Amino acid sequence: MDLTNQSINIYLSDGSVVNIQGNIIEEEYAKLVREGKVDKIEIHLQ
């Protein structure tokens, strides 16, 4: 498994989807997770 090619999809409560290339959720999105404004997080390892 090539762990250098990772991505994260964050599904927000308002219906939008944020795609992050890499394996770090930045502060603005981490805050939304803590506030309960995220419905789902998908982590893709390729």
Protein backbone atom coordinates (compact mmCIF):
# COMPACT_ATOMS: atom_id res chain seq x y z
CA MET A 1 0.00 0.00 0.00
CA ASP A 2 1.36 3.41 -1.01
CA LEU A 3 0.63 5.66 1.97
CA THR A 4 1.88 8.77 0.15
CA ASN A 5 -1.31 8.90 -1.94
CA GLN A 6 -3.97 9.52 0.72
CA SER A 7 -7.05 11.70 0.74
CA ILE A 8 -9.90 12.59 3.07
CA ASN A 9 -13.47 13.49 2.16
CA ILE A 10 -15.40 15.44 4.77
CA TYR A 11 -19.18 15.53 4.34
CA LEU A 12 -20.57 18.64 6.02
CA SER A 13 -24.06 18.95 7.49
CA ASP A 14 -24.97 21.58 4.86
CA GLY A 15 -24.51 18.97 2.09
CA SER A 16 -21.12 20.14 0.83
CA VAL A 17 -18.09 17.89 0.54
CA VAL A 18 -14.50 18.94 1.27
CA ASN A 19 -11.68 16.91 -0.31
CA ILE A 20 -8.27 17.05 1.35
CA GLN A 21 -5.21 15.62 -0.37
CA GLY A 22 -2.96 14.09 2.24
CA ASN A 23 -3.63 12.81 5.74
CA ILE A 24 -4.03 15.93 7.88
CA ILE A 25 -7.36 17.58 8.66
CA GLU A 26 -6.59 21.29 9.00
CA GLU A 27 -7.82 23.37 11.94
CA GLU A 28 -10.85 24.93 10.22
CA TYR A 29 -12.26 21.48 9.38
CA ALA A 30 -11.21 19.91 12.69
CA LYS A 31 -13.20 22.66 14.40
CA LEU A 32 -16.30 21.74 12.35
CA VAL A 33 -15.87 18.10 13.43
CA ARG A 34 -15.69 19.14 17.09
CA GLU A 35 -18.77 21.37 16.66
CA GLY A 36 -20.79 18.44 15.25
CA LYS A 37 -21.16 20.01 11.79
CA VAL A 38 -19.75 16.97 9.95
CA ASP A 39 -21.95 14.01 8.97
CA LYS A 40 -19.26 11.66 7.68
CA ILE A 41 -15.51 11.39 7.09
CA GLU A 42 -14.06 9.06 4.44
CA ILE A 43 -10.36 8.23 4.47
CA HIS A 44 -8.86 6.83 1.26
CA LEU A 45 -5.60 4.89 1.42
CA GLN A 46 -4.17 3.92 -1.95
